[in-house]
């Protein structure tokens, strides 16, 4: 419940502070970003209140779907063999 209350506070702040300021400054890119963030945050709130997990995340103020494959770091180690064969240790 604390997370939902905090989230509602952020939604209210975007509606009352960020969006009017961006519209007043006349920057259409910031207005569009604020509207998109507001819509995503409201959809998160609806999904969480219904008890479902949210399939996505915010990254650099944009929504990213969580259906991507996991990314693994790998370090390629050059061995003594020639050519394109390389050993990989995860």
C-alpha atoms as a PDB file:
ATOM      1  CA  UNK A   1       0.000   0.000   0.000  1.00  0.00           C
ATOM      2  CA  UNK A   2       2.902   2.356   0.659  1.00  0.00           C
ATOM      3  CA  UNK A   3       4.164   1.841  -2.890  1.00  0.00           C
ATOM      4  CA  UNK A   4       0.706   2.558  -4.325  1.00  0.00           C
ATOM      5  CA  UNK A   5       0.401   5.748  -2.245  1.00  0.00           C
ATOM      6  CA  UNK A   6       3.856   6.885  -3.402  1.00  0.00           C
ATOM      7  CA  UNK A   7       2.936   6.091  -7.001  1.00  0.00           C
ATOM      8  CA  UNK A   8      -0.298   8.079  -6.739  1.00  0.00           C
ATOM      9  CA  UNK A   9       1.711  11.018  -5.385  1.00  0.00           C
ATOM     10  CA  UNK A  10       4.034  10.844  -8.405  1.00  0.00           C
ATOM     11  CA  UNK A  11       1.092  10.691 -10.829  1.00  0.00           C
ATOM     12  CA  UNK A  12      -0.442  13.741  -9.166  1.00  0.00           C
ATOM     13  CA  UNK A  13       2.876  15.601  -9.365  1.00  0.00           C
ATOM     14  CA  UNK A  14       3.168  14.870 -13.099  1.00  0.00           C
ATOM     15  CA  UNK A  15      -0.397  16.059 -13.694  1.00  0.00           C
ATOM     16  CA  UNK A  16      -0.122  19.236 -11.635  1.00  0.00           C
ATOM     17  CA  UNK A  17       3.527  20.282 -12.021  1.00  0.00           C
ATOM     18  CA  UNK A  18       5.374  18.675 -14.916  1.00  0.00           C
ATOM     19  CA  UNK A  19       2.704  18.687 -17.626  1.00  0.00           C
ATOM     20  CA  UNK A  20       1.578  22.341 -17.186  1.00  0.00           C
ATOM     21  CA  UNK A  21       5.203  23.512 -17.026  1.00  0.00           C
ATOM     22  CA  UNK A  22       6.084  21.687 -20.241  1.00  0.00           C
ATOM     23  CA  UNK A  23       2.990  23.095 -21.980  1.00  0.00           C
ATOM     24  CA  UNK A  24       3.820  26.619 -20.758  1.00  0.00           C
ATOM     25  CA  UNK A  25       7.372  26.370 -22.080  1.00  0.00           C
ATOM     26  CA  UNK A  26       6.025  25.239 -25.452  1.00  0.00           C
ATOM     27  CA  UNK A  27       8.173  22.160 -25.863  1.00  0.00           C
ATOM     28  CA  UNK A  28       6.065  19.529 -27.667  1.00  0.00           C
ATOM     29  CA  UNK A  29       8.565  16.690 -27.140  1.00  0.00           C
ATOM     30  CA  UNK A  30       8.495  17.136 -23.356  1.00  0.00           C
ATOM     31  CA  UNK A  31       4.699  17.397 -23.362  1.00  0.00           C
ATOM     32  CA  UNK A  32       4.420  14.141 -25.303  1.00  0.00           C
ATOM     33  CA  UNK A  33       6.909  12.403 -22.994  1.00  0.00           C
ATOM     34  CA  UNK A  34       5.025  13.596 -19.918  1.00  0.00           C
ATOM     35  CA  UNK A  35       1.702  12.386 -21.333  1.00  0.00           C
ATOM     36  CA  UNK A  36       3.194   9.015 -22.223  1.00  0.00           C
ATOM     37  CA  UNK A  37       4.727   8.637 -18.752  1.00  0.00           C
ATOM     38  CA  UNK A  38       1.432   9.626 -17.148  1.00  0.00           C
ATOM     39  CA  UNK A  39      -0.495   7.031 -19.179  1.00  0.00           C
ATOM     40  CA  UNK A  40       2.032   4.308 -18.351  1.00  0.00           C
ATOM     41  CA  UNK A  41       1.988   5.117 -14.645  1.00  0.00           C
ATOM     42  CA  UNK A  42      -1.816   5.113 -14.565  1.00  0.00           C
ATOM     43  CA  UNK A  43      -1.927   1.748 -16.344  1.00  0.00           C
ATOM     44  CA  UNK A  44       0.617   0.401 -13.806  1.00  0.00           C
ATOM     45  CA  UNK A  45      -1.635   1.565 -11.002  1.00  0.00           C
ATOM     46  CA  UNK A  46      -4.717  -0.123 -12.510  1.00  0.00           C
ATOM     47  CA  UNK A  47      -2.831  -3.386 -13.074  1.00  0.00           C
ATOM     48  CA  UNK A  48      -1.321  -3.444  -9.583  1.00  0.00           C
ATOM     49  CA  UNK A  49      -4.657  -2.657  -7.934  1.00  0.00           C
ATOM     50  CA  UNK A  50      -6.188  -5.655  -9.733  1.00  0.00           C
ATOM     51  CA  UNK A  51      -3.440  -7.876  -8.273  1.00  0.00           C
ATOM     52  CA  UNK A  52      -1.677  -8.666 -11.551  1.00  0.00           C
ATOM     53  CA  UNK A  53       2.073  -8.344 -12.208  1.00  0.00           C
ATOM     54  CA  UNK A  54       3.166  -5.515 -14.501  1.00  0.00           C
ATOM     55  CA  UNK A  55       4.989  -6.790 -17.592  1.00  0.00           C
ATOM     56  CA  UNK A  56       7.404  -3.961 -18.225  1.00  0.00           C
ATOM     57  CA  UNK A  57       9.574  -1.279 -16.714  1.00  0.00           C
ATOM     58  CA  UNK A  58      10.460   2.378 -17.094  1.00  0.00           C
ATOM     59  CA  UNK A  59      13.922   2.965 -18.530  1.00  0.00           C
ATOM     60  CA  UNK A  60      15.167   6.472 -19.333  1.00  0.00           C
ATOM     61  CA  UNK A  61      11.623   7.804 -18.827  1.00  0.00           C
ATOM     62  CA  UNK A  62      10.193   5.439 -21.451  1.00  0.00           C
ATOM     63  CA  UNK A  63       8.222   2.217 -21.107  1.00  0.00           C
ATOM     64  CA  UNK A  64      10.033  -0.971 -22.100  1.00  0.00           C
ATOM     65  CA  UNK A  65       8.204  -4.262 -22.434  1.00  0.00           C
ATOM     66  CA  UNK A  66       9.553  -7.056 -20.290  1.00  0.00           C
ATOM     67  CA  UNK A  67       9.236  -9.708 -22.994  1.00  0.00           C
ATOM     68  CA  UNK A  68      12.819  -9.421 -24.182  1.00  0.00           C
ATOM     69  CA  UNK A  69      15.262 -12.272 -23.716  1.00  0.00           C
ATOM     70  CA  UNK A  70      17.679 -11.990 -20.801  1.00  0.00           C
ATOM     71  CA  UNK A  71      21.047 -10.554 -21.693  1.00  0.00           C
ATOM     72  CA  UNK A  72      24.155 -12.317 -20.486  1.00  0.00           C
ATOM     73  CA  UNK A  73      27.560 -10.750 -20.214  1.00  0.00           C
ATOM     74  CA  UNK A  74      30.288 -12.799 -21.759  1.00  0.00           C
ATOM     75  CA  UNK A  75      34.000 -12.431 -21.867  1.00  0.00           C
ATOM     76  CA  UNK A  76      35.774 -13.783 -24.932  1.00  0.00           C
ATOM     77  CA  UNK A  77      39.201 -15.179 -24.198  1.00  0.00           C
ATOM     78  CA  UNK A  78      41.709 -15.650 -26.964  1.00  0.00           C
ATOM     79  CA  UNK A  79      43.334 -19.022 -26.752  1.00  0.00           C
ATOM     80  CA  UNK A  80      46.324 -20.499 -28.483  1.00  0.00           C
ATOM     81  CA  UNK A  81      44.298 -21.701 -31.438  1.00  0.00           C
ATOM     82  CA  UNK A  82      44.294 -19.686 -34.596  1.00  0.00           C
ATOM     83  CA  UNK A  83      41.366 -18.549 -36.627  1.00  0.00           C
ATOM     84  CA  UNK A  84      38.030 -17.385 -35.326  1.00  0.00           C
ATOM     85  CA  UNK A  85      37.659 -19.989 -32.568  1.00  0.00           C
ATOM     86  CA  UNK A  86      37.504 -18.294 -29.211  1.00  0.00           C
ATOM     87  CA  UNK A  87      36.811 -19.641 -25.776  1.00  0.00           C
ATOM     88  CA  UNK A  88      33.936 -18.091 -23.828  1.00  0.00           C
ATOM     89  CA  UNK A  89      33.660 -18.101 -20.056  1.00  0.00           C
ATOM     90  CA  UNK A  90      30.469 -16.798 -18.568  1.00  0.00           C
END
